[in-house]
């Protein structure tokens, strides 16, 4: 008899905002405690990765107050929008 079991990751709701020309000011205002400018480049103070460059089109993820970044091509593979 096998002791191997199958598991599924529990779903976790996140908040996310994509870095675009239109969202830049909102990112700087709402997340001013973890985002800063170096010249014209936005950086995120990530709990897990230190200072991370936020490239245009990438996403800032807020999961229970922990901030992460996600590349724009990877985000739709991992997350889908919910309407509430």
C-alpha atoms as a PDB file:
ATOM      1  CA  UNK A   1       0.000   0.000   0.000  1.00  0.00           C
ATOM      2  CA  UNK A   2       1.406   3.419  -0.999  1.00  0.00           C
ATOM      3  CA  UNK A   3       1.834   6.227   1.501  1.00  0.00           C
ATOM      4  CA  UNK A   4       1.916   8.836  -1.272  1.00  0.00           C
ATOM      5  CA  UNK A   5      -1.081  11.175  -1.218  1.00  0.00           C
ATOM      6  CA  UNK A   6      -2.234  13.882  -3.615  1.00  0.00           C
ATOM      7  CA  UNK A   7      -2.658  17.454  -2.387  1.00  0.00           C
ATOM      8  CA  UNK A   8      -4.038  20.703  -3.785  1.00  0.00           C
ATOM      9  CA  UNK A   9      -2.900  24.139  -2.651  1.00  0.00           C
ATOM     10  CA  UNK A  10      -5.608  26.047  -0.810  1.00  0.00           C
ATOM     11  CA  UNK A  11      -6.858  29.065  -2.746  1.00  0.00           C
ATOM     12  CA  UNK A  12      -5.656  32.400  -1.402  1.00  0.00           C
ATOM     13  CA  UNK A  13      -7.227  35.723  -2.310  1.00  0.00           C
ATOM     14  CA  UNK A  14      -4.741  38.435  -3.221  1.00  0.00           C
ATOM     15  CA  UNK A  15      -4.951  42.075  -4.210  1.00  0.00           C
ATOM     16  CA  UNK A  16      -2.891  43.072  -7.214  1.00  0.00           C
ATOM     17  CA  UNK A  17      -2.272  46.108  -9.367  1.00  0.00           C
ATOM     18  CA  UNK A  18      -0.513  46.142 -12.718  1.00  0.00           C
ATOM     19  CA  UNK A  19       2.155  48.791 -13.195  1.00  0.00           C
ATOM     20  CA  UNK A  20       1.001  50.937 -16.104  1.00  0.00           C
ATOM     21  CA  UNK A  21       1.276  54.592 -16.992  1.00  0.00           C
ATOM     22  CA  UNK A  22      -2.230  55.100 -15.552  1.00  0.00           C
ATOM     23  CA  UNK A  23      -1.535  53.213 -12.282  1.00  0.00           C
ATOM     24  CA  UNK A  24       1.899  54.656 -11.494  1.00  0.00           C
ATOM     25  CA  UNK A  25       0.678  57.480  -9.241  1.00  0.00           C
ATOM     26  CA  UNK A  26      -1.737  55.166  -7.407  1.00  0.00           C
ATOM     27  CA  UNK A  27       1.055  52.661  -6.774  1.00  0.00           C
ATOM     28  CA  UNK A  28       3.267  55.379  -5.326  1.00  0.00           C
ATOM     29  CA  UNK A  29       0.448  56.760  -3.168  1.00  0.00           C
ATOM     30  CA  UNK A  30      -1.148  53.572  -1.823  1.00  0.00           C
ATOM     31  CA  UNK A  31       2.045  51.541  -1.441  1.00  0.00           C
ATOM     32  CA  UNK A  32       4.379  54.392  -0.440  1.00  0.00           C
ATOM     33  CA  UNK A  33       5.606  52.286   2.504  1.00  0.00           C
ATOM     34  CA  UNK A  34       7.132  49.674   0.194  1.00  0.00           C
ATOM     35  CA  UNK A  35       7.670  51.387  -3.187  1.00  0.00           C
ATOM     36  CA  UNK A  36      10.348  53.931  -3.946  1.00  0.00           C
ATOM     37  CA  UNK A  37      11.837  55.663  -6.956  1.00  0.00           C
ATOM     38  CA  UNK A  38      15.469  55.494  -8.047  1.00  0.00           C
ATOM     39  CA  UNK A  39      15.602  57.979 -10.864  1.00  0.00           C
ATOM     40  CA  UNK A  40      12.604  57.058 -13.014  1.00  0.00           C
ATOM     41  CA  UNK A  41      12.585  53.392 -11.963  1.00  0.00           C
ATOM     42  CA  UNK A  42      10.134  51.969  -9.419  1.00  0.00           C
ATOM     43  CA  UNK A  43      11.437  49.532  -6.837  1.00  0.00           C
ATOM     44  CA  UNK A  44       9.521  47.381  -4.367  1.00  0.00           C
ATOM     45  CA  UNK A  45      10.821  46.495  -0.904  1.00  0.00           C
ATOM     46  CA  UNK A  46       9.888  42.804  -0.935  1.00  0.00           C
ATOM     47  CA  UNK A  47       9.912  40.794   2.289  1.00  0.00           C
ATOM     48  CA  UNK A  48      11.382  37.784   0.537  1.00  0.00           C
ATOM     49  CA  UNK A  49      13.617  39.248  -2.172  1.00  0.00           C
ATOM     50  CA  UNK A  50      14.773  42.652  -0.905  1.00  0.00           C
ATOM     51  CA  UNK A  51      14.592  45.579  -3.340  1.00  0.00           C
ATOM     52  CA  UNK A  52      13.081  44.414  -6.637  1.00  0.00           C
ATOM     53  CA  UNK A  53      12.720  46.485  -9.809  1.00  0.00           C
ATOM     54  CA  UNK A  54       9.082  46.765 -10.862  1.00  0.00           C
ATOM     55  CA  UNK A  55       9.142  46.639 -14.638  1.00  0.00           C
ATOM     56  CA  UNK A  56       6.422  48.268 -16.693  1.00  0.00           C
ATOM     57  CA  UNK A  57       3.505  45.815 -17.038  1.00  0.00           C
ATOM     58  CA  UNK A  58       4.490  43.706 -14.010  1.00  0.00           C
ATOM     59  CA  UNK A  59       2.147  43.239 -11.059  1.00  0.00           C
ATOM     60  CA  UNK A  60       2.460  44.212  -7.433  1.00  0.00           C
ATOM     61  CA  UNK A  61       0.772  41.570  -5.261  1.00  0.00           C
ATOM     62  CA  UNK A  62      -0.484  42.290  -1.753  1.00  0.00           C
ATOM     63  CA  UNK A  63      -1.188  39.063   0.121  1.00  0.00           C
ATOM     64  CA  UNK A  64      -2.263  39.859   3.671  1.00  0.00           C
ATOM     65  CA  UNK A  65       0.173  42.778   3.865  1.00  0.00           C
ATOM     66  CA  UNK A  66       3.102  40.870   2.371  1.00  0.00           C
ATOM     67  CA  UNK A  67       4.235  42.433  -0.900  1.00  0.00           C
ATOM     68  CA  UNK A  68       5.483  40.490  -3.913  1.00  0.00           C
ATOM     69  CA  UNK A  69       6.081  41.182  -7.585  1.00  0.00           C
ATOM     70  CA  UNK A  70       5.029  39.018 -10.506  1.00  0.00           C
ATOM     71  CA  UNK A  71       6.099  39.263 -14.133  1.00  0.00           C
ATOM     72  CA  UNK A  72       3.301  40.223 -16.524  1.00  0.00           C
ATOM     73  CA  UNK A  73       3.552  37.011 -18.581  1.00  0.00           C
ATOM     74  CA  UNK A  74       3.409  34.772 -15.497  1.00  0.00           C
ATOM     75  CA  UNK A  75       0.563  36.522 -13.659  1.00  0.00           C
ATOM     76  CA  UNK A  76      -2.352  35.265 -15.846  1.00  0.00           C
ATOM     77  CA  UNK A  77      -1.029  31.703 -15.573  1.00  0.00           C
ATOM     78  CA  UNK A  78      -1.204  31.854 -11.768  1.00  0.00           C
ATOM     79  CA  UNK A  79      -4.190  34.097 -11.064  1.00  0.00           C
ATOM     80  CA  UNK A  80      -7.651  34.815 -12.405  1.00  0.00           C
ATOM     81  CA  UNK A  81      -9.715  37.843 -11.556  1.00  0.00           C
ATOM     82  CA  UNK A  82     -12.713  37.412  -9.266  1.00  0.00           C
ATOM     83  CA  UNK A  83     -15.594  39.819  -9.042  1.00  0.00           C
ATOM     84  CA  UNK A  84     -16.918  40.783  -5.637  1.00  0.00           C
END
